[in-house]
Amino acid sequence: MNHLDSVDISQLLELIKPDSSVKIMHLGNGDFDFNKRLVRICRDYGYEFDIKCLGEADYTESLEHFEMEEGITVARLRLTQPRYATSKLYDYVFVTVEIPANMMSLFLAKTYESLKNGGLVLITEDGPEESLRRKWGRLLDSNYFISIKTIPLASGHSVIIAKKAQAWG
């Protein structure tokens, strides 16, 4: 996936509702502009922010950029690991890296476990919202996500947003 431009980033970050004790996870691959903007928001509001990296190079570079930020953690993530979160549940999980087709259902099941009731997963990919809906819609539904909607972003990306159903699964 191509990296998000500043307009796309602004559109995505508008979806974060100011609240107390917000916890955010971003699964990406070298999306430093996005992470820098999220770090600023988290610093301003006292939110917790976990950057999860799939690749070693992204992990190393993210550590260099964000390791010293208070309330920010950087960690490696394998899509097959037993849990994506151990001691916290997230309000928002942003995904800006392409998930392989054979891992999508497993990824959603583990993401579901990592979200608070009513938490949102926001998956951003290149292309029109219709193709994103075809690709993820049924899987989100079968993994107990509700209120599934897609939004086109300014530069040809789209985001699919789904809410964790309360007391399901």
C-alpha atoms as a PDB file:
ATOM      1  CA  MET A   1       0.000   0.000   0.000  1.00  0.00           C
ATOM      2  CA  ASN A   2       1.162   3.519  -0.726  1.00  0.00           C
ATOM      3  CA  HIS A   3       1.619   5.692   2.325  1.00  0.00           C
ATOM      4  CA  LEU A   4      -1.159   8.054   3.302  1.00  0.00           C
ATOM      5  CA  ASP A   5      -0.820  11.719   2.475  1.00  0.00           C
ATOM      6  CA  SER A   6      -1.525  14.476   5.002  1.00  0.00           C
ATOM      7  CA  VAL A   7      -5.162  14.927   3.871  1.00  0.00           C
ATOM      8  CA  ASP A   8      -5.873  11.187   4.285  1.00  0.00           C
ATOM      9  CA  ILE A   9      -4.187  11.217   7.685  1.00  0.00           C
ATOM     10  CA  SER A  10      -6.310  14.167   8.797  1.00  0.00           C
ATOM     11  CA  GLN A  11      -9.492  12.419   7.619  1.00  0.00           C
ATOM     12  CA  LEU A  12      -8.603   9.267   9.562  1.00  0.00           C
ATOM     13  CA  LEU A  13      -7.622  11.092  12.739  1.00  0.00           C
ATOM     14  CA  GLU A  14     -10.926  12.996  12.757  1.00  0.00           C
ATOM     15  CA  LEU A  15     -12.538   9.644  13.595  1.00  0.00           C
ATOM     16  CA  ILE A  16     -10.912   9.598  17.056  1.00  0.00           C
ATOM     17  CA  LYS A  17     -13.412  10.895  19.570  1.00  0.00           C
ATOM     18  CA  PRO A  18     -11.860  12.842  22.476  1.00  0.00           C
ATOM     19  CA  ASP A  19     -12.325  10.787  25.613  1.00  0.00           C
ATOM     20  CA  SER A  20     -10.356   9.851  28.683  1.00  0.00           C
ATOM     21  CA  SER A  21      -8.057   6.824  28.773  1.00  0.00           C
ATOM     22  CA  VAL A  22      -8.048   6.143  25.040  1.00  0.00           C
ATOM     23  CA  LYS A  23      -5.756   3.357  23.851  1.00  0.00           C
ATOM     24  CA  ILE A  24      -4.725   3.193  20.198  1.00  0.00           C
ATOM     25  CA  MET A  25      -2.811   0.587  18.242  1.00  0.00           C
ATOM     26  CA  HIS A  26      -1.399   1.143  14.758  1.00  0.00           C
ATOM     27  CA  LEU A  27      -0.307  -1.791  12.640  1.00  0.00           C
ATOM     28  CA  GLY A  28       1.672  -0.376   9.766  1.00  0.00           C
ATOM     29  CA  ASN A  29       4.880  -0.571   7.846  1.00  0.00           C
ATOM     30  CA  GLY A  30       6.935   2.609   7.793  1.00  0.00           C
ATOM     31  CA  ASP A  31       3.987   5.013   8.132  1.00  0.00           C
ATOM     32  CA  PHE A  32       6.014   7.576  10.067  1.00  0.00           C
ATOM     33  CA  ASP A  33       3.944  10.617   9.083  1.00  0.00           C
ATOM     34  CA  PHE A  34       0.805   8.870  10.325  1.00  0.00           C
ATOM     35  CA  ASN A  35       2.555   7.803  13.532  1.00  0.00           C
ATOM     36  CA  LYS A  36       3.965  11.287  14.143  1.00  0.00           C
ATOM     37  CA  ARG A  37       0.459  12.780  13.905  1.00  0.00           C
ATOM     38  CA  LEU A  38      -0.937  10.082  16.203  1.00  0.00           C
ATOM     39  CA  VAL A  39       1.887  10.689  18.692  1.00  0.00           C
ATOM     40  CA  ARG A  40       0.975  14.403  18.800  1.00  0.00           C
ATOM     41  CA  ILE A  41      -2.698  13.612  19.458  1.00  0.00           C
ATOM     42  CA  CYS A  42      -1.796  11.058  22.124  1.00  0.00           C
ATOM     43  CA  ARG A  43       0.600  13.476  23.807  1.00  0.00           C
ATOM     44  CA  ASP A  44      -1.999  16.305  23.760  1.00  0.00           C
ATOM     45  CA  TYR A  45      -4.784  14.154  25.258  1.00  0.00           C
ATOM     46  CA  GLY A  46      -2.755  11.740  27.398  1.00  0.00           C
ATOM     47  CA  TYR A  47      -3.692   8.698  25.300  1.00  0.00           C
ATOM     48  CA  GLU A  48      -1.693   5.490  25.116  1.00  0.00           C
ATOM     49  CA  PHE A  49      -0.352   4.513  21.690  1.00  0.00           C
ATOM     50  CA  ASP A  50       1.206   1.235  20.610  1.00  0.00           C
ATOM     51  CA  ILE A  51       2.993   0.997  17.281  1.00  0.00           C
ATOM     52  CA  LYS A  52       3.095  -2.604  16.046  1.00  0.00           C
ATOM     53  CA  CYS A  53       5.555  -3.370  13.262  1.00  0.00           C
ATOM     54  CA  LEU A  54       5.472  -6.385  10.955  1.00  0.00           C
ATOM     55  CA  GLY A  55       8.955  -5.889   9.496  1.00  0.00           C
ATOM     56  CA  GLU A  56      12.324  -5.646  11.194  1.00  0.00           C
ATOM     57  CA  ALA A  57      13.328  -2.488   9.294  1.00  0.00           C
ATOM     58  CA  ASP A  58      10.088  -0.728  10.294  1.00  0.00           C
ATOM     59  CA  TYR A  59      10.576  -1.818  13.903  1.00  0.00           C
ATOM     60  CA  THR A  60      14.150  -0.495  14.026  1.00  0.00           C
ATOM     61  CA  GLU A  61      13.234   2.817  12.425  1.00  0.00           C
ATOM     62  CA  SER A  62      10.135   3.233  14.616  1.00  0.00           C
ATOM     63  CA  LEU A  63      12.264   2.689  17.719  1.00  0.00           C
ATOM     64  CA  GLU A  64      14.622   5.434  16.538  1.00  0.00           C
ATOM     65  CA  HIS A  65      11.726   7.854  16.008  1.00  0.00           C
ATOM     66  CA  PHE A  66       9.406   7.079  18.915  1.00  0.00           C
ATOM     67  CA  GLU A  67      11.218   5.126  21.650  1.00  0.00           C
ATOM     68  CA  MET A  68      11.649   8.143  23.936  1.00  0.00           C
ATOM     69  CA  GLU A  69       8.037   9.339  23.681  1.00  0.00           C
ATOM     70  CA  GLU A  70       6.073   8.956  26.900  1.00  0.00           C
ATOM     71  CA  GLY A  71       3.009   6.702  26.591  1.00  0.00           C
ATOM     72  CA  ILE A  72       4.224   5.312  23.249  1.00  0.00           C
ATOM     73  CA  THR A  73       5.468   1.757  22.814  1.00  0.00           C
ATOM     74  CA  VAL A  74       6.977   0.170  19.748  1.00  0.00           C
ATOM     75  CA  ALA A  75       6.857  -3.608  19.339  1.00  0.00           C
ATOM     76  CA  ARG A  76       7.224  -6.301  16.705  1.00  0.00           C
ATOM     77  CA  LEU A  77       4.092  -8.195  15.728  1.00  0.00           C
ATOM     78  CA  ARG A  78       3.710 -11.503  13.952  1.00  0.00           C
ATOM     79  CA  LEU A  79       0.246 -12.028  12.512  1.00  0.00           C
ATOM     80  CA  THR A  80       0.333 -15.604  13.839  1.00  0.00           C
ATOM     81  CA  GLN A  81       1.308 -14.795  17.417  1.00  0.00           C
ATOM     82  CA  PRO A  82      -1.172 -15.981  20.069  1.00  0.00           C
ATOM     83  CA  ARG A  83      -2.373 -12.491  21.093  1.00  0.00           C
ATOM     84  CA  TYR A  84      -1.909  -8.990  19.724  1.00  0.00           C
ATOM     85  CA  ALA A  85      -2.473  -7.383  23.124  1.00  0.00           C
ATOM     86  CA  THR A  86      -1.693  -8.878  26.501  1.00  0.00           C
ATOM     87  CA  SER A  87      -2.779  -6.575  29.276  1.00  0.00           C
ATOM     88  CA  LYS A  88      -4.766  -3.843  27.558  1.00  0.00           C
ATOM     89  CA  LEU A  89      -7.711  -3.495  25.252  1.00  0.00           C
ATOM     90  CA  TYR A  90      -7.727  -0.864  22.544  1.00  0.00           C
ATOM     91  CA  ASP A  91     -10.350   1.694  21.592  1.00  0.00           C
ATOM     92  CA  TYR A  92      -8.940   1.992  18.058  1.00  0.00           C
ATOM     93  CA  VAL A  93      -6.852  -0.323  15.895  1.00  0.00           C
ATOM     94  CA  PHE A  94      -5.591   1.400  12.751  1.00  0.00           C
ATOM     95  CA  VAL A  95      -4.285  -0.888   9.992  1.00  0.00           C
ATOM     96  CA  THR A  96      -2.304   0.680   7.157  1.00  0.00           C
ATOM     97  CA  VAL A  97      -0.438  -2.410   6.007  1.00  0.00           C
ATOM     98  CA  GLU A  98      -1.844  -4.992   3.622  1.00  0.00           C
ATOM     99  CA  ILE A  99      -2.826  -8.221   5.370  1.00  0.00           C
ATOM    100  CA  PRO A 100      -2.223 -11.345   3.249  1.00  0.00           C
ATOM    101  CA  ALA A 101      -5.485 -12.969   2.100  1.00  0.00           C
ATOM    102  CA  ASN A 102      -4.712 -16.225   3.910  1.00  0.00           C
ATOM    103  CA  MET A 103      -4.280 -14.318   7.203  1.00  0.00           C
ATOM    104  CA  MET A 104      -7.295 -11.986   7.079  1.00  0.00           C
ATOM    105  CA  SER A 105      -9.708 -14.089   9.146  1.00  0.00           C
ATOM    106  CA  LEU A 106      -7.074 -14.931  11.777  1.00  0.00           C
ATOM    107  CA  PHE A 107      -6.056 -11.286  11.890  1.00  0.00           C
ATOM    108  CA  LEU A 108      -9.658 -10.173  12.520  1.00  0.00           C
ATOM    109  CA  ALA A 109     -10.192 -12.786  15.239  1.00  0.00           C
ATOM    110  CA  LYS A 110      -7.079 -11.613  17.082  1.00  0.00           C
ATOM    111  CA  THR A 111      -7.946  -7.970  16.552  1.00  0.00           C
ATOM    112  CA  TYR A 112     -11.423  -8.632  17.963  1.00  0.00           C
ATOM    113  CA  GLU A 113      -9.797  -9.998  21.151  1.00  0.00           C
ATOM    114  CA  SER A 114      -7.633  -6.863  21.371  1.00  0.00           C
ATOM    115  CA  LEU A 115     -10.499  -4.336  21.219  1.00  0.00           C
ATOM    116  CA  LYS A 116     -12.691  -2.995  23.996  1.00  0.00           C
ATOM    117  CA  ASN A 117     -16.422  -3.538  23.537  1.00  0.00           C
ATOM    118  CA  GLY A 118     -17.477  -0.932  21.008  1.00  0.00           C
ATOM    119  CA  GLY A 119     -13.858  -0.429  19.876  1.00  0.00           C
ATOM    120  CA  LEU A 120     -13.148   0.271  16.209  1.00  0.00           C
ATOM    121  CA  VAL A 121     -10.907  -1.388  13.661  1.00  0.00           C
ATOM    122  CA  LEU A 122     -10.013   0.906  10.751  1.00  0.00           C
ATOM    123  CA  ILE A 123      -8.422  -0.824   7.765  1.00  0.00           C
ATOM    124  CA  THR A 124      -6.992   1.439   5.076  1.00  0.00           C
ATOM    125  CA  GLU A 125      -6.007   0.253   1.613  1.00  0.00           C
ATOM    126  CA  ASP A 126      -5.435   1.586  -1.890  1.00  0.00           C
ATOM    127  CA  GLY A 127      -8.434   1.646  -4.178  1.00  0.00           C
ATOM    128  CA  PRO A 128     -12.154   2.352  -4.169  1.00  0.00           C
ATOM    129  CA  GLU A 129     -14.375   1.666  -1.209  1.00  0.00           C
ATOM    130  CA  GLU A 130     -16.436  -0.951  -3.097  1.00  0.00           C
ATOM    131  CA  SER A 131     -13.446  -3.262  -3.514  1.00  0.00           C
ATOM    132  CA  LEU A 132     -12.474  -2.781   0.113  1.00  0.00           C
ATOM    133  CA  ARG A 133     -16.025  -3.674   1.159  1.00  0.00           C
ATOM    134  CA  ARG A 134     -15.975  -6.821  -1.022  1.00  0.00           C
ATOM    135  CA  LYS A 135     -12.602  -7.834   0.373  1.00  0.00           C
ATOM    136  CA  TRP A 136     -13.288  -7.303   4.095  1.00  0.00           C
ATOM    137  CA  GLY A 137     -17.058  -6.935   4.642  1.00  0.00           C
ATOM    138  CA  ARG A 138     -18.105 -10.567   4.958  1.00  0.00           C
ATOM    139  CA  LEU A 139     -15.041 -11.442   7.064  1.00  0.00           C
ATOM    140  CA  LEU A 140     -15.717  -8.578   9.457  1.00  0.00           C
ATOM    141  CA  ASP A 141     -19.330  -9.692   9.796  1.00  0.00           C
ATOM    142  CA  SER A 142     -18.404 -13.337  10.433  1.00  0.00           C
ATOM    143  CA  ASN A 143     -15.875 -12.239  13.083  1.00  0.00           C
ATOM    144  CA  TYR A 144     -18.574 -10.419  15.116  1.00  0.00           C
ATOM    145  CA  PHE A 145     -17.921  -6.877  13.916  1.00  0.00           C
ATOM    146  CA  ILE A 146     -20.927  -4.629  13.366  1.00  0.00           C
ATOM    147  CA  SER A 147     -21.685  -1.162  11.931  1.00  0.00           C
ATOM    148  CA  ILE A 148     -19.401  -1.839   8.989  1.00  0.00           C
ATOM    149  CA  LYS A 149     -18.952   1.145   6.687  1.00  0.00           C
ATOM    150  CA  THR A 150     -16.470   2.336   4.101  1.00  0.00           C
ATOM    151  CA  ILE A 151     -15.225   5.848   3.490  1.00  0.00           C
ATOM    152  CA  PRO A 152     -13.244   7.078   0.485  1.00  0.00           C
ATOM    153  CA  LEU A 153     -10.175   9.114   1.369  1.00  0.00           C
ATOM    154  CA  ALA A 154      -8.818  12.002  -0.669  1.00  0.00           C
ATOM    155  CA  SER A 155      -5.886  10.364  -2.470  1.00  0.00           C
ATOM    156  CA  GLY A 156      -7.430   7.150  -3.778  1.00  0.00           C
ATOM    157  CA  HIS A 157      -7.285   5.214  -0.521  1.00  0.00           C
ATOM    158  CA  SER A 158     -10.357   3.943   1.286  1.00  0.00           C
ATOM    159  CA  VAL A 159     -10.978   2.907   4.865  1.00  0.00           C
ATOM    160  CA  ILE A 160     -13.360   0.265   6.154  1.00  0.00           C
ATOM    161  CA  ILE A 161     -14.489   0.820   9.720  1.00  0.00           C
ATOM    162  CA  ALA A 162     -16.129  -1.761  11.945  1.00  0.00           C
ATOM    163  CA  LYS A 163     -17.131  -1.860  15.585  1.00  0.00           C
ATOM    164  CA  LYS A 164     -16.591  -4.719  17.981  1.00  0.00           C
ATOM    165  CA  ALA A 165     -20.006  -6.066  18.940  1.00  0.00           C
ATOM    166  CA  GLN A 166     -20.567  -6.005  22.676  1.00  0.00           C
ATOM    167  CA  ALA A 167     -20.801  -9.350  24.463  1.00  0.00           C
ATOM    168  CA  TRP A 168     -20.509 -11.432  21.290  1.00  0.00           C
ATOM    169  CA  GLY A 169     -17.982 -14.006  20.169  1.00  0.00           C
END
